Each structure stands twice: as C-alpha cells, then as structure tokens.
Amino acid sequence: MLTPFCDESPELILKIIDCLWDEPEVEMRELATQLLGRLPQSHFKEVIHRILDWSMIESDAELLPFLHKNASTTIRQEAPDQWLAVLNSWNSASEPWLAKLAIDGTIP
C-alpha cells in the first residue's frame, strides 16, 4: 500500500520515518522500521545508516528484532550481496555490539 509512495518520494518518507522513530510509542517505531524496509535501492545507504544508528541506542533494545528484520527487507531481497558486505564489515569491526548486529542481520 505504501510501497509506491516510498518509491516516488523517498526523501519525504525518510523525514516521516525519522519523525515516527522519535515517537515514544512502540507501534510508531515499528511502522518506521517497516517503511524503512520499503525504500528503493537508491536509498540503501540511508537505510543502513539508520539501522546502525538506531541499533546503538540501548533503550531501544526491544525494538532491534523489528528493526533488523523489517528495515533490511528490500536490501535483503534486491541486493543480498550488498547486505552481506555490510554484515561482514560489522562482523569484522572491533566493537562487539557490531558483531551482534551482523549475526542478527543474518536472520531473515
């Protein structure tokens, strides 16, 4: 339903996504992850940036499964090699939390 709008206006959708993520309600943040996962390939860099940034916030730990599953949907489907390269870079990093992110990112 929102996928065509995500394809047509990704910059506007990114602004909406950021506003939704800033809301305290879990449902708004879950919606943000779902929209993030529908952005076109031209915006994968922004998607990956948000996955990484939002994963660093300890208070959002309960949202990580939604974030990793939903936000990476299009990347995993359309550019699996790119997603695996990101996961590999996280796994190779010296920070343990990035290695955990890489492991979580392998779960579809």
N, C-alpha and C. Protein backbone atom coordinates (compact mmCIF):
# COMPACT_ATOMS: atom_id res chain seq x y z
N MET A 1 0.82 -1.18 0.00
CA MET A 1 0.00 0.00 0.00
C MET A 1 0.88 1.26 0.00
N LEU A 2 1.92 1.32 0.83
CA LEU A 2 2.78 2.49 0.87
C LEU A 2 4.01 2.37 -0.01
N THR A 3 4.24 1.19 -0.56
CA THR A 3 5.44 0.97 -1.36
C THR A 3 5.54 1.93 -2.54
N PRO A 4 4.47 2.17 -3.30
CA PRO A 4 4.60 3.13 -4.41
C PRO A 4 5.00 4.52 -3.93
N PHE A 5 4.46 4.95 -2.81
CA PHE A 5 4.82 6.25 -2.27
C PHE A 5 6.29 6.26 -1.82
N CYS A 6 6.76 5.16 -1.27
CA CYS A 6 8.16 5.06 -0.88
C CYS A 6 9.07 5.17 -2.10
N ASP A 7 8.65 4.58 -3.21
CA ASP A 7 9.43 4.64 -4.44
C ASP A 7 9.41 6.03 -5.06
N GLU A 8 8.26 6.70 -4.99
CA GLU A 8 8.09 8.01 -5.63
C GLU A 8 8.66 9.16 -4.81
N SER A 9 8.60 9.07 -3.51
CA SER A 9 9.02 10.18 -2.64
C SER A 9 9.88 9.70 -1.48
N PRO A 10 11.01 9.07 -1.76
CA PRO A 10 11.81 8.50 -0.67
C PRO A 10 12.34 9.54 0.32
N GLU A 11 12.64 10.75 -0.16
CA GLU A 11 13.16 11.78 0.76
C GLU A 11 12.08 12.19 1.77
N LEU A 12 10.86 12.34 1.30
CA LEU A 12 9.75 12.66 2.19
C LEU A 12 9.50 11.52 3.16
N ILE A 13 9.54 10.29 2.66
CA ILE A 13 9.34 9.12 3.51
C ILE A 13 10.42 9.05 4.58
N LEU A 14 11.66 9.39 4.24
CA LEU A 14 12.74 9.38 5.24
C LEU A 14 12.44 10.37 6.36
N LYS A 15 11.90 11.52 6.02
CA LYS A 15 11.54 12.50 7.05
C LYS A 15 10.42 11.96 7.95
N ILE A 16 9.44 11.31 7.32
CA ILE A 16 8.35 10.71 8.09
C ILE A 16 8.88 9.59 8.99
N ILE A 17 9.76 8.77 8.43
CA ILE A 17 10.37 7.68 9.20
C ILE A 17 11.09 8.22 10.43
N ASP A 18 11.87 9.27 10.25
CA ASP A 18 12.60 9.84 11.38
C ASP A 18 11.65 10.40 12.44
N CYS A 19 10.57 11.02 12.01
CA CYS A 19 9.57 11.53 12.96
C CYS A 19 8.91 10.38 13.72
N LEU A 20 8.57 9.31 12.99
CA LEU A 20 7.95 8.15 13.64
C LEU A 20 8.90 7.52 14.65
N TRP A 21 10.17 7.42 14.31
CA TRP A 21 11.15 6.81 15.22
C TRP A 21 11.32 7.63 16.49
N ASP A 22 11.12 8.94 16.40
CA ASP A 22 11.27 9.81 17.56
C ASP A 22 10.09 9.74 18.52
N GLU A 23 9.02 9.09 18.09
CA GLU A 23 7.85 8.95 18.95
C GLU A 23 8.11 7.88 20.02
N PRO A 24 7.54 8.04 21.20
CA PRO A 24 7.78 7.07 22.27
C PRO A 24 7.01 5.76 22.11
N GLU A 25 5.94 5.76 21.34
CA GLU A 25 5.13 4.56 21.19
C GLU A 25 5.84 3.52 20.32
N VAL A 26 5.85 2.30 20.79
CA VAL A 26 6.50 1.20 20.07
C VAL A 26 5.88 1.01 18.68
N GLU A 27 4.57 1.16 18.59
CA GLU A 27 3.89 0.95 17.30
C GLU A 27 4.37 1.95 16.24
N MET A 28 4.64 3.18 16.64
CA MET A 28 5.14 4.18 15.69
C MET A 28 6.54 3.81 15.21
N ARG A 29 7.35 3.29 16.11
CA ARG A 29 8.70 2.89 15.75
C ARG A 29 8.69 1.64 14.87
N GLU A 30 7.77 0.73 15.14
CA GLU A 30 7.64 -0.45 14.29
C GLU A 30 7.23 -0.03 12.87
N LEU A 31 6.32 0.94 12.78
CA LEU A 31 5.93 1.46 11.47
C LEU A 31 7.12 2.10 10.77
N ALA A 32 7.95 2.80 11.52
CA ALA A 32 9.16 3.41 10.95
C ALA A 32 10.06 2.33 10.34
N THR A 33 10.22 1.20 11.04
CA THR A 33 11.08 0.13 10.51
C THR A 33 10.48 -0.49 9.24
N GLN A 34 9.16 -0.61 9.21
CA GLN A 34 8.51 -1.18 8.03
C GLN A 34 8.67 -0.26 6.82
N LEU A 35 8.50 1.03 7.03
CA LEU A 35 8.68 1.99 5.93
C LEU A 35 10.14 2.02 5.48
N LEU A 36 11.05 1.96 6.42
CA LEU A 36 12.47 1.96 6.08
C LEU A 36 12.81 0.78 5.18
N GLY A 37 12.19 -0.35 5.46
CA GLY A 37 12.43 -1.55 4.66
C GLY A 37 11.79 -1.53 3.29
N ARG A 38 11.04 -0.50 2.97
CA ARG A 38 10.39 -0.39 1.65
C ARG A 38 11.02 0.67 0.77
N LEU A 39 12.04 1.33 1.27
CA LEU A 39 12.69 2.36 0.45
C LEU A 39 13.44 1.72 -0.72
N PRO A 40 13.53 2.43 -1.83
CA PRO A 40 14.18 1.87 -3.01
C PRO A 40 15.69 1.75 -2.86
N GLN A 41 16.29 1.01 -3.75
CA GLN A 41 17.72 0.73 -3.71
C GLN A 41 18.55 2.02 -3.72
N SER A 42 18.04 3.05 -4.32
CA SER A 42 18.77 4.33 -4.37
C SER A 42 18.99 4.93 -2.98
N HIS A 43 18.28 4.43 -1.98
CA HIS A 43 18.38 4.96 -0.62
C HIS A 43 18.89 3.93 0.39
N PHE A 44 19.53 2.88 -0.10
CA PHE A 44 20.05 1.85 0.80
C PHE A 44 21.07 2.41 1.78
N LYS A 45 21.86 3.37 1.35
CA LYS A 45 22.86 3.96 2.24
C LYS A 45 22.18 4.59 3.46
N GLU A 46 21.08 5.30 3.24
CA GLU A 46 20.34 5.92 4.32
C GLU A 46 19.69 4.86 5.22
N VAL A 47 19.22 3.78 4.61
CA VAL A 47 18.61 2.69 5.38
C VAL A 47 19.66 2.08 6.31
N ILE A 48 20.80 1.74 5.77
CA ILE A 48 21.88 1.12 6.56
C ILE A 48 22.33 2.07 7.66
N HIS A 49 22.44 3.34 7.34
CA HIS A 49 22.85 4.34 8.34
C HIS A 49 21.88 4.35 9.52
N ARG A 50 20.58 4.32 9.24
CA ARG A 50 19.60 4.34 10.32
C ARG A 50 19.60 3.03 11.11
N ILE A 51 19.74 1.91 10.43
CA ILE A 51 19.81 0.64 11.15
C ILE A 51 20.97 0.69 12.15
N LEU A 52 22.09 1.16 11.70
CA LEU A 52 23.28 1.24 12.55
C LEU A 52 23.07 2.23 13.70
N ASP A 53 22.61 3.42 13.38
CA ASP A 53 22.41 4.44 14.42
C ASP A 53 21.38 4.01 15.46
N TRP A 54 20.26 3.50 14.98
CA TRP A 54 19.18 3.13 15.89
C TRP A 54 19.53 1.91 16.73
N SER A 55 20.42 1.08 16.22
CA SER A 55 20.84 -0.11 16.98
C SER A 55 21.76 0.23 18.14
N MET A 56 22.35 1.40 18.11
CA MET A 56 23.29 1.80 19.17
C MET A 56 22.58 2.32 20.41
N ILE A 57 21.30 2.60 20.33
CA ILE A 57 20.56 3.19 21.45
C ILE A 57 20.08 2.07 22.37
N GLU A 58 20.67 2.00 23.55
CA GLU A 58 20.38 0.90 24.48
C GLU A 58 18.91 0.83 24.87
N SER A 59 18.26 1.97 25.00
CA SER A 59 16.86 1.98 25.43
C SER A 59 15.92 1.39 24.37
N ASP A 60 16.42 1.23 23.16
CA ASP A 60 15.61 0.68 22.07
C ASP A 60 15.87 -0.79 21.81
N ALA A 61 16.52 -1.47 22.74
CA ALA A 61 16.92 -2.87 22.54
C ALA A 61 15.75 -3.78 22.19
N GLU A 62 14.57 -3.53 22.77
CA GLU A 62 13.42 -4.40 22.48
C GLU A 62 12.93 -4.25 21.06
N LEU A 63 13.34 -3.17 20.39
CA LEU A 63 12.92 -2.94 19.01
C LEU A 63 13.90 -3.51 17.98
N LEU A 64 15.04 -3.98 18.42
CA LEU A 64 16.06 -4.46 17.48
C LEU A 64 15.58 -5.57 16.56
N PRO A 65 14.83 -6.56 17.05
CA PRO A 65 14.34 -7.58 16.11
C PRO A 65 13.47 -6.99 14.99
N PHE A 66 12.60 -6.05 15.33
CA PHE A 66 11.77 -5.39 14.31
C PHE A 66 12.66 -4.58 13.37
N LEU A 67 13.58 -3.85 13.94
CA LEU A 67 14.47 -3.01 13.15
C LEU A 67 15.26 -3.83 12.15
N HIS A 68 15.88 -4.90 12.62
CA HIS A 68 16.74 -5.68 11.74
C HIS A 68 15.95 -6.45 10.69
N LYS A 69 14.82 -6.98 11.08
CA LYS A 69 14.02 -7.76 10.13
C LYS A 69 13.32 -6.84 9.12
N ASN A 70 12.63 -5.85 9.61
CA ASN A 70 11.81 -5.01 8.75
C ASN A 70 12.62 -4.02 7.91
N ALA A 71 13.57 -3.35 8.53
CA ALA A 71 14.30 -2.29 7.84
C ALA A 71 15.20 -2.81 6.73
N SER A 72 15.61 -4.05 6.82
CA SER A 72 16.51 -4.60 5.80
C SER A 72 15.79 -5.41 4.73
N THR A 73 14.47 -5.43 4.74
CA THR A 73 13.70 -6.28 3.83
C THR A 73 14.08 -6.08 2.37
N THR A 74 14.01 -4.86 1.87
CA THR A 74 14.27 -4.60 0.45
C THR A 74 15.74 -4.85 0.11
N ILE A 75 16.63 -4.47 1.01
CA ILE A 75 18.06 -4.69 0.75
C ILE A 75 18.33 -6.19 0.62
N ARG A 76 17.78 -6.98 1.55
CA ARG A 76 18.00 -8.43 1.50
C ARG A 76 17.43 -9.04 0.23
N GLN A 77 16.30 -8.51 -0.25
CA GLN A 77 15.67 -9.08 -1.44
C GLN A 77 16.32 -8.60 -2.74
N GLU A 78 16.64 -7.32 -2.82
CA GLU A 78 17.12 -6.75 -4.07
C GLU A 78 18.64 -6.68 -4.19
N ALA A 79 19.32 -6.65 -3.08
CA ALA A 79 20.79 -6.53 -3.11
C ALA A 79 21.42 -7.36 -2.00
N PRO A 80 21.21 -8.68 -2.04
CA PRO A 80 21.73 -9.51 -0.95
C PRO A 80 23.25 -9.43 -0.80
N ASP A 81 23.96 -9.27 -1.91
CA ASP A 81 25.43 -9.16 -1.81
C ASP A 81 25.83 -7.89 -1.06
N GLN A 82 25.11 -6.82 -1.30
CA GLN A 82 25.38 -5.57 -0.59
C GLN A 82 25.09 -5.72 0.89
N TRP A 83 23.99 -6.39 1.23
CA TRP A 83 23.64 -6.61 2.63
C TRP A 83 24.69 -7.49 3.31
N LEU A 84 25.13 -8.54 2.63
CA LEU A 84 26.15 -9.41 3.20
C LEU A 84 27.47 -8.67 3.39
N ALA A 85 27.79 -7.75 2.50
CA ALA A 85 29.00 -6.94 2.65
C ALA A 85 28.91 -6.06 3.89
N VAL A 86 27.75 -5.48 4.13
CA VAL A 86 27.54 -4.66 5.33
C VAL A 86 27.69 -5.53 6.57
N LEU A 87 27.04 -6.69 6.56
CA LEU A 87 27.13 -7.59 7.72
C LEU A 87 28.57 -8.02 7.96
N ASN A 88 29.30 -8.30 6.90
CA ASN A 88 30.70 -8.69 7.03
C ASN A 88 31.53 -7.56 7.65
N SER A 89 31.26 -6.33 7.23
CA SER A 89 32.02 -5.21 7.80
C SER A 89 31.69 -5.05 9.28
N TRP A 90 30.44 -5.25 9.65
CA TRP A 90 30.08 -5.17 11.06
C TRP A 90 30.72 -6.31 11.85
N ASN A 91 30.75 -7.49 11.26
CA ASN A 91 31.33 -8.65 11.93
C ASN A 91 32.83 -8.49 12.12
N SER A 92 33.47 -7.79 11.20
CA SER A 92 34.92 -7.59 11.26
C SER A 92 35.33 -6.43 12.15
N ALA A 93 34.38 -5.64 12.60
CA ALA A 93 34.68 -4.48 13.44
C ALA A 93 35.14 -4.91 14.82
N SER A 94 35.82 -4.02 15.50
CA SER A 94 36.35 -4.37 16.83
C SER A 94 35.29 -4.23 17.93
N GLU A 95 34.19 -3.58 17.65
CA GLU A 95 33.14 -3.41 18.65
C GLU A 95 32.26 -4.65 18.70
N PRO A 96 32.10 -5.27 19.87
CA PRO A 96 31.29 -6.49 19.99
C PRO A 96 29.83 -6.29 19.59
N TRP A 97 29.27 -5.12 19.85
CA TRP A 97 27.86 -4.90 19.53
C TRP A 97 27.64 -4.92 18.02
N LEU A 98 28.67 -4.53 17.24
CA LEU A 98 28.54 -4.60 15.78
C LEU A 98 28.54 -6.05 15.31
N ALA A 99 29.34 -6.89 15.96
CA ALA A 99 29.32 -8.32 15.61
C ALA A 99 27.95 -8.92 15.90
N LYS A 100 27.34 -8.50 17.01
CA LYS A 100 25.99 -8.98 17.32
C LYS A 100 25.00 -8.49 16.26
N LEU A 101 25.15 -7.26 15.83
CA LEU A 101 24.31 -6.73 14.76
C LEU A 101 24.44 -7.57 13.50
N ALA A 102 25.66 -7.96 13.18
CA ALA A 102 25.90 -8.77 11.99
C ALA A 102 25.18 -10.12 12.11
N ILE A 103 25.26 -10.73 13.26
CA ILE A 103 24.58 -12.01 13.48
C ILE A 103 23.08 -11.83 13.37
N ASP A 104 22.55 -10.79 14.02
CA ASP A 104 21.11 -10.52 13.94
C ASP A 104 20.67 -10.25 12.52
N GLY A 105 21.54 -9.64 11.74
CA GLY A 105 21.21 -9.30 10.35
C GLY A 105 21.14 -10.48 9.42
N THR A 106 21.62 -11.64 9.86
CA THR A 106 21.55 -12.83 9.02
C THR A 106 20.23 -13.57 9.16
N ILE A 107 19.46 -13.19 10.18
CA ILE A 107 18.18 -13.86 10.42
C ILE A 107 17.10 -13.18 9.57
N PRO A 108 16.49 -13.92 8.65
CA PRO A 108 15.51 -13.29 7.75
C PRO A 108 14.21 -12.95 8.45
